[in-house]
PDB file of all heavy atoms in Angstrom:
ATOM      1  N   TYR A   1     -92.039  -6.853 -77.378  1.00  0.00           N
ATOM      2  CA  TYR A   1     -92.848  -5.716 -77.834  1.00  0.00           C
ATOM      3  C   TYR A   1     -92.846  -4.517 -76.888  1.00  0.00           C
ATOM      4  O   TYR A   1     -93.294  -3.434 -77.281  1.00  0.00           O
ATOM      5  CB  TYR A   1     -94.297  -6.164 -78.043  1.00  0.00           C
ATOM      6  CG  TYR A   1     -94.465  -7.217 -79.106  1.00  0.00           C
ATOM      7  CD1 TYR A   1     -94.899  -8.489 -78.784  1.00  0.00           C
ATOM      8  CD2 TYR A   1     -94.192  -6.928 -80.441  1.00  0.00           C
ATOM      9  CE1 TYR A   1     -95.076  -9.464 -79.765  1.00  0.00           C
ATOM     10  CE2 TYR A   1     -94.361  -7.883 -81.429  1.00  0.00           C
ATOM     11  CZ  TYR A   1     -94.800  -9.161 -81.087  1.00  0.00           C
ATOM     12  OH  TYR A   1     -94.958 -10.119 -82.062  1.00  0.00           O
ATOM     13  N   GLY A   2     -92.389  -4.677 -75.657  1.00  0.00           N
ATOM     14  CA  GLY A   2     -92.387  -3.570 -74.711  1.00  0.00           C
ATOM     15  C   GLY A   2     -93.639  -3.530 -73.858  1.00  0.00           C
ATOM     16  O   GLY A   2     -94.679  -4.109 -74.215  1.00  0.00           O
ATOM     17  N   LEU A   3     -93.555  -2.815 -72.751  1.00  0.00           N
ATOM     18  CA  LEU A   3     -94.651  -2.738 -71.791  1.00  0.00           C
ATOM     19  C   LEU A   3     -95.714  -1.718 -72.168  1.00  0.00           C
ATOM     20  O   LEU A   3     -96.814  -1.750 -71.642  1.00  0.00           O
ATOM     21  CB  LEU A   3     -94.101  -2.377 -70.406  1.00  0.00           C
ATOM     22  CG  LEU A   3     -93.411  -3.489 -69.606  1.00  0.00           C
ATOM     23  CD1 LEU A   3     -92.654  -2.898 -68.430  1.00  0.00           C
ATOM     24  CD2 LEU A   3     -94.433  -4.516 -69.119  1.00  0.00           C
ATOM     25  N   ASN A   4     -95.384  -0.787 -73.046  1.00  0.00           N
ATOM     26  CA  ASN A   4     -96.324   0.280 -73.379  1.00  0.00           C
ATOM     27  C   ASN A   4     -96.156   0.677 -74.845  1.00  0.00           C
ATOM     28  O   ASN A   4     -95.245   0.216 -75.542  1.00  0.00           O
ATOM     29  CB  ASN A   4     -96.115   1.489 -72.454  1.00  0.00           C
ATOM     30  CG  ASN A   4     -94.653   1.929 -72.409  1.00  0.00           C
ATOM     31  OD1 ASN A   4     -94.031   2.138 -73.455  1.00  0.00           O
ATOM     32  ND2 ASN A   4     -94.101   2.070 -71.214  1.00  0.00           N
ATOM     33  N   GLU A   5     -97.048   1.542 -75.308  1.00  0.00           N
ATOM     34  CA  GLU A   5     -97.048   1.910 -76.720  1.00  0.00           C
ATOM     35  C   GLU A   5     -95.785   2.658 -77.127  1.00  0.00           C
ATOM     36  O   GLU A   5     -95.326   2.536 -78.269  1.00  0.00           O
ATOM     37  CB  GLU A   5     -98.280   2.767 -77.031  1.00  0.00           C
ATOM     38  CG  GLU A   5     -99.589   1.986 -77.026  1.00  0.00           C
ATOM     39  CD  GLU A   5    -100.750   2.789 -77.583  1.00  0.00           C
ATOM     40  OE1 GLU A   5    -100.492   3.829 -78.232  1.00  0.00           O
ATOM     41  OE2 GLU A   5    -101.906   2.384 -77.372  1.00  0.00           O
ATOM     42  N   GLU A   6     -95.200   3.431 -76.187  1.00  0.00           N
ATOM     43  CA  GLU A   6     -93.986   4.170 -76.527  1.00  0.00           C
ATOM     44  C   GLU A   6     -92.838   3.204 -76.821  1.00  0.00           C
ATOM     45  O   GLU A   6     -92.093   3.378 -77.808  1.00  0.00           O
ATOM     46  CB  GLU A   6     -93.595   5.103 -75.378  1.00  0.00           C
ATOM     47  CG  GLU A   6     -94.534   6.286 -75.189  1.00  0.00           C
ATOM     48  CD  GLU A   6     -95.843   5.904 -74.511  1.00  0.00           C
ATOM     49  OE1 GLU A   6     -95.900   4.805 -73.916  1.00  0.00           O
ATOM     50  OE2 GLU A   6     -96.814   6.690 -74.580  1.00  0.00           O
ATOM     51  N   ALA A   7     -92.693   2.189 -75.975  1.00  0.00           N
ATOM     52  CA  ALA A   7     -91.628   1.207 -76.208  1.00  0.00           C
ATOM     53  C   ALA A   7     -91.895   0.407 -77.477  1.00  0.00           C
ATOM     54  O   ALA A   7     -90.980   0.130 -78.260  1.00  0.00           O
ATOM     55  CB  ALA A   7     -91.517   0.268 -75.005  1.00  0.00           C
ATOM     56  N   THR A   8     -93.161   0.041 -77.699  1.00  0.00           N
ATOM     57  CA  THR A   8     -93.504  -0.694 -78.917  1.00  0.00           C
ATOM     58  C   THR A   8     -93.184   0.138 -80.153  1.00  0.00           C
ATOM     59  O   THR A   8     -92.619  -0.364 -81.133  1.00  0.00           O
ATOM     60  CB  THR A   8     -94.999  -1.072 -78.918  1.00  0.00           C
ATOM     61  OG1 THR A   8     -95.308  -1.800 -77.732  1.00  0.00           O
ATOM     62  CG2 THR A   8     -95.352  -1.921 -80.124  1.00  0.00           C
ATOM     63  N   GLY A   9     -93.523   1.418 -80.098  1.00  0.00           N
ATOM     64  CA  GLY A   9     -93.240   2.300 -81.234  1.00  0.00           C
ATOM     65  C   GLY A   9     -91.759   2.405 -81.527  1.00  0.00           C
ATOM     66  O   GLY A   9     -91.351   2.525 -82.695  1.00  0.00           O
ATOM     67  N   ALA A  10     -90.927   2.337 -80.491  1.00  0.00           N
ATOM     68  CA  ALA A  10     -89.481   2.472 -80.688  1.00  0.00           C
ATOM     69  C   ALA A  10     -88.885   1.277 -81.433  1.00  0.00           C
ATOM     70  O   ALA A  10     -87.880   1.428 -82.136  1.00  0.00           O
ATOM     71  CB  ALA A  10     -88.787   2.652 -79.344  1.00  0.00           C
ATOM     72  N   VAL A  11     -89.483   0.088 -81.274  1.00  0.00           N
ATOM     73  CA  VAL A  11     -88.902  -1.088 -81.919  1.00  0.00           C
ATOM     74  C   VAL A  11     -89.600  -1.435 -83.237  1.00  0.00           C
ATOM     75  O   VAL A  11     -89.159  -2.342 -83.952  1.00  0.00           O
ATOM     76  CB  VAL A  11     -88.928  -2.316 -80.977  1.00  0.00           C
ATOM     77  CG1 VAL A  11     -88.048  -2.068 -79.763  1.00  0.00           C
ATOM     78  CG2 VAL A  11     -90.341  -2.694 -80.557  1.00  0.00           C
ATOM     79  N   ARG A  12     -90.668  -0.722 -83.578  1.00  0.00           N
ATOM     80  CA  ARG A  12     -91.365  -0.975 -84.844  1.00  0.00           C
ATOM     81  C   ARG A  12     -90.691  -0.267 -86.010  1.00  0.00           C
ATOM     82  O   ARG A  12     -90.199   0.859 -85.875  1.00  0.00           O
ATOM     83  CB  ARG A  12     -92.817  -0.506 -84.758  1.00  0.00           C
ATOM     84  CG  ARG A  12     -93.714  -1.390 -83.937  1.00  0.00           C
ATOM     85  CD  ARG A  12     -95.133  -0.868 -83.892  1.00  0.00           C
ATOM     86  NE  ARG A  12     -95.744  -0.794 -85.237  1.00  0.00           N
ATOM     87  CZ  ARG A  12     -96.988  -0.408 -85.454  1.00  0.00           C
ATOM     88  NH1 ARG A  12     -97.761  -0.056 -84.422  1.00  0.00           N
ATOM     89  NH2 ARG A  12     -97.479  -0.368 -86.680  1.00  0.00           N
ATOM     90  N   ALA A  13     -90.718  -0.933 -87.177  1.00  0.00           N
ATOM     91  CA  ALA A  13     -90.177  -0.317 -88.385  1.00  0.00           C
ATOM     92  C   ALA A  13     -91.209   0.596 -89.051  1.00  0.00           C
ATOM     93  O   ALA A  13     -90.844   1.434 -89.882  1.00  0.00           O
ATOM     94  CB  ALA A  13     -89.753  -1.399 -89.368  1.00  0.00           C
ATOM     95  N   PHE A  14     -92.492   0.425 -88.728  1.00  0.00           N
ATOM     96  CA  PHE A  14     -93.606   1.151 -89.352  1.00  0.00           C
ATOM     97  C   PHE A  14     -93.585   0.988 -90.870  1.00  0.00           C
ATOM     98  O   PHE A  14     -93.833   1.922 -91.639  1.00  0.00           O
ATOM     99  CB  PHE A  14     -93.602   2.632 -88.953  1.00  0.00           C
ATOM    100  CG  PHE A  14     -93.961   2.832 -87.502  1.00  0.00           C
ATOM    101  CD1 PHE A  14     -92.975   3.072 -86.555  1.00  0.00           C
ATOM    102  CD2 PHE A  14     -95.273   2.739 -87.084  1.00  0.00           C
ATOM    103  CE1 PHE A  14     -93.300   3.218 -85.213  1.00  0.00           C
ATOM    104  CE2 PHE A  14     -95.609   2.897 -85.742  1.00  0.00           C
ATOM    105  CZ  PHE A  14     -94.624   3.130 -84.802  1.00  0.00           C
ATOM    106  N   ASP A  15     -93.282  -0.225 -91.258  1.00  0.00           N
ATOM    107  CA  ASP A  15     -93.248  -0.579 -92.676  1.00  0.00           C
ATOM    108  C   ASP A  15     -93.551  -2.072 -92.794  1.00  0.00           C
ATOM    109  O   ASP A  15     -92.790  -2.905 -92.289  1.00  0.00           O
ATOM    110  CB  ASP A  15     -91.875  -0.270 -93.283  1.00  0.00           C
ATOM    111  CG  ASP A  15     -91.799  -0.643 -94.766  1.00  0.00           C
ATOM    112  OD1 ASP A  15     -92.856  -0.717 -95.417  1.00  0.00           O
ATOM    113  OD2 ASP A  15     -90.676  -0.879 -95.251  1.00  0.00           O
ATOM    114  N   GLY A  16     -94.682  -2.410 -93.376  1.00  0.00           N
ATOM    115  CA  GLY A  16     -95.010  -3.804 -93.605  1.00  0.00           C
ATOM    116  C   GLY A  16     -95.284  -4.605 -92.355  1.00  0.00           C
ATOM    117  O   GLY A  16     -95.219  -5.840 -92.380  1.00  0.00           O
ATOM    118  N   GLY A  17     -95.609  -3.923 -91.245  1.00  0.00           N
ATOM    119  CA  GLY A  17     -95.887  -4.626 -89.995  1.00  0.00           C
ATOM    120  C   GLY A  17     -94.663  -5.174 -89.300  1.00  0.00           C
ATOM    121  O   GLY A  17     -94.784  -5.936 -88.337  1.00  0.00           O
ATOM    122  N   LEU A  18     -93.470  -4.773 -89.734  1.00  0.00           N
ATOM    123  CA  LEU A  18     -92.226  -5.364 -89.238  1.00  0.00           C
ATOM    124  C   LEU A  18     -91.707  -4.689 -87.976  1.00  0.00           C
ATOM    125  O   LEU A  18     -92.019  -3.530 -87.685  1.00  0.00           O
ATOM    126  CB  LEU A  18     -91.143  -5.275 -90.317  1.00  0.00           C
ATOM    127  CG  LEU A  18     -91.431  -5.973 -91.645  1.00  0.00           C
ATOM    128  CD1 LEU A  18     -90.337  -5.635 -92.660  1.00  0.00           C
ATOM    129  CD2 LEU A  18     -91.553  -7.476 -91.449  1.00  0.00           C
ATOM    130  N   LEU A  19     -90.896  -5.429 -87.240  1.00  0.00           N
ATOM    131  CA  LEU A  19     -90.057  -4.878 -86.191  1.00  0.00           C
ATOM    132  C   LEU A  19     -88.709  -4.490 -86.803  1.00  0.00           C
ATOM    133  O   LEU A  19     -88.254  -5.118 -87.765  1.00  0.00           O
ATOM    134  CB  LEU A  19     -89.831  -5.902 -85.076  1.00  0.00           C
ATOM    135  CG  LEU A  19     -91.062  -6.290 -84.258  1.00  0.00           C
ATOM    136  CD1 LEU A  19     -90.774  -7.534 -83.419  1.00  0.00           C
ATOM    137  CD2 LEU A  19     -91.508  -5.145 -83.358  1.00  0.00           C
ATOM    138  N   LYS A  20     -88.076  -3.460 -86.259  1.00  0.00           N
ATOM    139  CA  LYS A  20     -86.761  -3.055 -86.746  1.00  0.00           C
ATOM    140  C   LYS A  20     -85.766  -4.201 -86.586  1.00  0.00           C
ATOM    141  O   LYS A  20     -85.783  -4.914 -85.571  1.00  0.00           O
ATOM    142  CB  LYS A  20     -86.248  -1.845 -85.969  1.00  0.00           C
ATOM    143  CG  LYS A  20     -87.042  -0.571 -86.201  1.00  0.00           C
ATOM    144  CD  LYS A  20     -86.540   0.548 -85.297  1.00  0.00           C
ATOM    145  CE  LYS A  20     -87.354   1.827 -85.484  1.00  0.00           C
ATOM    146  NZ  LYS A  20     -86.957   2.882 -84.528  1.00  0.00           N
ATOM    147  N   SER A  21     -84.919  -4.370 -87.577  1.00  0.00           N
ATOM    148  CA  SER A  21     -83.924  -5.434 -87.491  1.00  0.00           C
ATOM    149  C   SER A  21     -82.721  -5.086 -88.350  1.00  0.00           C
ATOM    150  O   SER A  21     -82.739  -4.126 -89.128  1.00  0.00           O
ATOM    151  CB  SER A  21     -84.529  -6.773 -87.947  1.00  0.00           C
ATOM    152  OG  SER A  21     -84.836  -6.752 -89.326  1.00  0.00           O
ATOM    153  N   GLN A  22     -81.683  -5.900 -88.191  1.00  0.00           N
ATOM    154  CA  GLN A  22     -80.469  -5.769 -88.989  1.00  0.00           C
ATOM    155  C   GLN A  22     -79.939  -7.174 -89.269  1.00  0.00           C
ATOM    156  O   GLN A  22     -80.299  -8.132 -88.569  1.00  0.00           O
ATOM    157  CB  GLN A  22     -79.408  -4.963 -88.235  1.00  0.00           C
ATOM    158  CG  GLN A  22     -78.973  -5.623 -86.931  1.00  0.00           C
ATOM    159  CD  GLN A  22     -77.808  -4.917 -86.253  1.00  0.00           C
ATOM    160  OE1 GLN A  22     -76.953  -4.343 -86.918  1.00  0.00           O
ATOM    161  NE2 GLN A  22     -77.774  -4.978 -84.921  1.00  0.00           N
ATOM    162  N   LEU A  23     -79.107  -7.307 -90.285  1.00  0.00           N
ATOM    163  CA  LEU A  23     -78.450  -8.580 -90.565  1.00  0.00           C
ATOM    164  C   LEU A  23     -77.043  -8.558 -89.977  1.00  0.00           C
ATOM    165  O   LEU A  23     -76.278  -7.615 -90.196  1.00  0.00           O
ATOM    166  CB  LEU A  23     -78.382  -8.824 -92.070  1.00  0.00           C
ATOM    167  CG  LEU A  23     -79.705  -9.126 -92.777  1.00  0.00           C
ATOM    168  CD1 LEU A  23     -79.476  -9.331 -94.282  1.00  0.00           C
ATOM    169  CD2 LEU A  23     -80.369 -10.361 -92.184  1.00  0.00           C
ATOM    170  N   VAL A  24     -76.730  -9.597 -89.192  1.00  0.00           N
ATOM    171  CA  VAL A  24     -75.397  -9.767 -88.618  1.00  0.00           C
ATOM    172  C   VAL A  24     -74.950 -11.189 -88.947  1.00  0.00           C
ATOM    173  O   VAL A  24     -75.600 -12.156 -88.539  1.00  0.00           O
ATOM    174  CB  VAL A  24     -75.394  -9.555 -87.090  1.00  0.00           C
ATOM    175  CG1 VAL A  24     -73.976  -9.708 -86.541  1.00  0.00           C
ATOM    176  CG2 VAL A  24     -75.974  -8.199 -86.723  1.00  0.00           C
ATOM    177  N   ASP A  25     -73.877 -11.309 -89.721  1.00  0.00           N
ATOM    178  CA  ASP A  25     -73.373 -12.618 -90.146  1.00  0.00           C
ATOM    179  C   ASP A  25     -74.472 -13.465 -90.786  1.00  0.00           C
ATOM    180  O   ASP A  25     -74.573 -14.679 -90.556  1.00  0.00           O
ATOM    181  CB  ASP A  25     -72.756 -13.380 -88.962  1.00  0.00           C
ATOM    182  CG  ASP A  25     -71.506 -12.693 -88.430  1.00  0.00           C
ATOM    183  OD1 ASP A  25     -70.898 -11.905 -89.184  1.00  0.00           O
ATOM    184  OD2 ASP A  25     -71.140 -12.954 -87.264  1.00  0.00           O
ATOM    185  N   GLY A  26     -75.330 -12.812 -91.547  1.00  0.00           N
ATOM    186  CA  GLY A  26     -76.367 -13.528 -92.280  1.00  0.00           C
ATOM    187  C   GLY A  26     -77.628 -13.813 -91.503  1.00  0.00           C
ATOM    188  O   GLY A  26     -78.593 -14.355 -92.059  1.00  0.00           O
ATOM    189  N   GLY A  27     -77.675 -13.478 -90.220  1.00  0.00           N
ATOM    190  CA  GLY A  27     -78.856 -13.714 -89.396  1.00  0.00           C
ATOM    191  C   GLY A  27     -79.544 -12.411 -89.031  1.00  0.00           C
ATOM    192  O   GLY A  27     -78.903 -11.356 -88.939  1.00  0.00           O
ATOM    193  N   GLU A  28     -80.861 -12.475 -88.805  1.00  0.00           N
ATOM    194  CA  GLU A  28     -81.639 -11.278 -88.466  1.00  0.00           C
ATOM    195  C   GLU A  28     -81.612 -11.056 -86.959  1.00  0.00           C
ATOM    196  O   GLU A  28     -81.894 -11.969 -86.173  1.00  0.00           O
ATOM    197  CB  GLU A  28     -83.083 -11.441 -88.949  1.00  0.00           C
ATOM    198  CG  GLU A  28     -83.916 -10.176 -88.824  1.00  0.00           C
ATOM    199  CD  GLU A  28     -85.314 -10.328 -89.407  1.00  0.00           C
ATOM    200  OE1 GLU A  28     -85.790 -11.476 -89.522  1.00  0.00           O
ATOM    201  OE2 GLU A  28     -85.926  -9.291 -89.729  1.00  0.00           O
ATOM    202  N   PHE A  29     -81.280  -9.839 -86.556  1.00  0.00           N
ATOM    203  CA  PHE A  29     -81.179  -9.462 -85.143  1.00  0.00           C
ATOM    204  C   PHE A  29     -81.810  -8.088 -84.943  1.00  0.00           C
ATOM    205  O   PHE A  29     -81.977  -7.327 -85.906  1.00  0.00           O
ATOM    206  CB  PHE A  29     -79.703  -9.403 -84.708  1.00  0.00           C
ATOM    207  CG  PHE A  29     -79.029 -10.742 -84.630  1.00  0.00           C
ATOM    208  CD1 PHE A  29     -78.457 -11.313 -85.756  1.00  0.00           C
ATOM    209  CD2 PHE A  29     -78.987 -11.444 -83.430  1.00  0.00           C
ATOM    210  CE1 PHE A  29     -77.836 -12.558 -85.691  1.00  0.00           C
ATOM    211  CE2 PHE A  29     -78.373 -12.689 -83.353  1.00  0.00           C
ATOM    212  CZ  PHE A  29     -77.805 -13.250 -84.488  1.00  0.00           C
ATOM    213  N   PRO A  30     -82.124  -7.731 -83.694  1.00  0.00           N
ATOM    214  CA  PRO A  30     -82.549  -6.354 -83.431  1.00  0.00           C
ATOM    215  C   PRO A  30     -81.408  -5.393 -83.752  1.00  0.00           C
ATOM    216  O   PRO A  30     -80.227  -5.776 -83.714  1.00  0.00           O
ATOM    217  CB  PRO A  30     -82.862  -6.360 -81.925  1.00  0.00           C
ATOM    218  CG  PRO A  30     -83.023  -7.793 -81.551  1.00  0.00           C
ATOM    219  CD  PRO A  30     -82.139  -8.565 -82.465  1.00  0.00           C
ATOM    220  N   PRO A  31     -81.711  -4.148 -84.042  1.00  0.00           N
ATOM    221  CA  PRO A  31     -80.634  -3.159 -84.233  1.00  0.00           C
ATOM    222  C   PRO A  31     -79.934  -2.885 -82.913  1.00  0.00           C
ATOM    223  O   PRO A  31     -80.429  -3.239 -81.837  1.00  0.00           O
ATOM    224  CB  PRO A  31     -81.382  -1.927 -84.739  1.00  0.00           C
ATOM    225  CG  PRO A  31     -82.783  -2.088 -84.247  1.00  0.00           C
ATOM    226  CD  PRO A  31     -83.046  -3.565 -84.202  1.00  0.00           C
ATOM    227  N   TYR A  32     -78.773  -2.256 -82.989  1.00  0.00           N
ATOM    228  CA  TYR A  32     -78.046  -1.922 -81.766  1.00  0.00           C
ATOM    229  C   TYR A  32     -78.679  -0.712 -81.079  1.00  0.00           C
ATOM    230  O   TYR A  32     -79.132   0.234 -81.733  1.00  0.00           O
ATOM    231  CB  TYR A  32     -76.578  -1.652 -82.072  1.00  0.00           C
ATOM    232  CG  TYR A  32     -75.833  -2.903 -82.474  1.00  0.00           C
ATOM    233  CD1 TYR A  32     -75.223  -3.007 -83.723  1.00  0.00           C
ATOM    234  CD2 TYR A  32     -75.762  -4.000 -81.615  1.00  0.00           C
ATOM    235  CE1 TYR A  32     -74.551  -4.166 -84.092  1.00  0.00           C
ATOM    236  CE2 TYR A  32     -75.099  -5.159 -81.970  1.00  0.00           C
ATOM    237  CZ  TYR A  32     -74.498  -5.237 -83.223  1.00  0.00           C
ATOM    238  OH  TYR A  32     -73.842  -6.395 -83.589  1.00  0.00           O
ATOM    239  N   LEU A  33     -78.706  -0.763 -79.759  1.00  0.00           N
ATOM    240  CA  LEU A  33     -79.354   0.275 -78.953  1.00  0.00           C
ATOM    241  C   LEU A  33     -78.553   1.563 -78.917  1.00  0.00           C
ATOM    242  O   LEU A  33     -79.124   2.661 -78.896  1.00  0.00           O
ATOM    243  CB  LEU A  33     -79.552  -0.257 -77.524  1.00  0.00           C
ATOM    244  CG  LEU A  33     -80.162   0.680 -76.492  1.00  0.00           C
ATOM    245  CD1 LEU A  33     -81.637   0.907 -76.790  1.00  0.00           C
ATOM    246  CD2 LEU A  33     -79.992   0.097 -75.080  1.00  0.00           C
ATOM    247  N   CYS A  34     -77.237   1.430 -78.880  1.00  0.00           N
ATOM    248  CA  CYS A  34     -76.362   2.582 -78.612  1.00  0.00           C
ATOM    249  C   CYS A  34     -75.367   2.828 -79.743  1.00  0.00           C
ATOM    250  O   CYS A  34     -75.072   1.950 -80.557  1.00  0.00           O
ATOM    251  CB  CYS A  34     -75.581   2.366 -77.316  1.00  0.00           C
ATOM    252  SG  CYS A  34     -76.592   2.228 -75.839  1.00  0.00           S
ATOM    253  N   GLU A  35     -74.838   4.018 -79.727  1.00  0.00           N
ATOM    254  CA  GLU A  35     -73.727   4.384 -80.598  1.00  0.00           C
ATOM    255  C   GLU A  35     -72.759   5.213 -79.772  1.00  0.00           C
ATOM    256  O   GLU A  35     -73.146   6.215 -79.175  1.00  0.00           O
ATOM    257  CB  GLU A  35     -74.232   5.170 -81.808  1.00  0.00           C
ATOM    258  CG  GLU A  35     -73.162   5.419 -82.847  1.00  0.00           C
ATOM    259  CD  GLU A  35     -73.734   6.029 -84.119  1.00  0.00           C
ATOM    260  OE1 GLU A  35     -74.885   6.503 -84.086  1.00  0.00           O
ATOM    261  OE2 GLU A  35     -73.034   6.020 -85.127  1.00  0.00           O
ATOM    262  N   GLN A  36     -71.511   4.743 -79.676  1.00  0.00           N
ATOM    263  CA  GLN A  36     -70.488   5.373 -78.843  1.00  0.00           C
ATOM    264  C   GLN A  36     -70.971   5.532 -77.395  1.00  0.00           C
ATOM    265  O   GLN A  36     -70.745   6.553 -76.745  1.00  0.00           O
ATOM    266  CB  GLN A  36     -70.072   6.725 -79.428  1.00  0.00           C
ATOM    267  CG  GLN A  36     -69.422   6.580 -80.797  1.00  0.00           C
ATOM    268  CD  GLN A  36     -68.956   7.908 -81.368  1.00  0.00           C
ATOM    269  OE1 GLN A  36     -69.376   8.973 -80.912  1.00  0.00           O
ATOM    270  NE2 GLN A  36     -68.089   7.845 -82.366  1.00  0.00           N
ATOM    271  N   GLY A  37     -71.675   4.499 -76.915  1.00  0.00           N
ATOM    272  CA  GLY A  37     -72.093   4.449 -75.515  1.00  0.00           C
ATOM    273  C   GLY A  37     -73.360   5.214 -75.189  1.00  0.00           C
ATOM    274  O   GLY A  37     -73.841   5.156 -74.058  1.00  0.00           O
ATOM    275  N   ALA A  38     -73.916   5.931 -76.145  1.00  0.00           N
ATOM    276  CA  ALA A  38     -75.140   6.716 -75.908  1.00  0.00           C
ATOM    277  C   ALA A  38     -76.320   6.066 -76.627  1.00  0.00           C
ATOM    278  O   ALA A  38     -76.179   5.582 -77.757  1.00  0.00           O
ATOM    279  CB  ALA A  38     -74.956   8.146 -76.393  1.00  0.00           C
ATOM    280  N   VAL A  39     -77.466   6.067 -75.973  1.00  0.00           N
ATOM    281  CA  VAL A  39     -78.669   5.502 -76.586  1.00  0.00           C
ATOM    282  C   VAL A  39     -79.049   6.335 -77.812  1.00  0.00           C
ATOM    283  O   VAL A  39     -79.096   7.572 -77.754  1.00  0.00           O
ATOM    284  CB  VAL A  39     -79.833   5.479 -75.574  1.00  0.00           C
ATOM    285  CG1 VAL A  39     -81.126   5.000 -76.242  1.00  0.00           C
ATOM    286  CG2 VAL A  39     -79.495   4.586 -74.386  1.00  0.00           C
TER     287      VAL A  39
END
């Protein structure tokens, strides 16, 4: 969940109480942090 509200807000989906996630090979995982090496 993160150490503070800013970090918590970054990983929340703000929809249905969920954390952000993605499906990879049929399993639920966090989304990727970076794109082309940049956050």
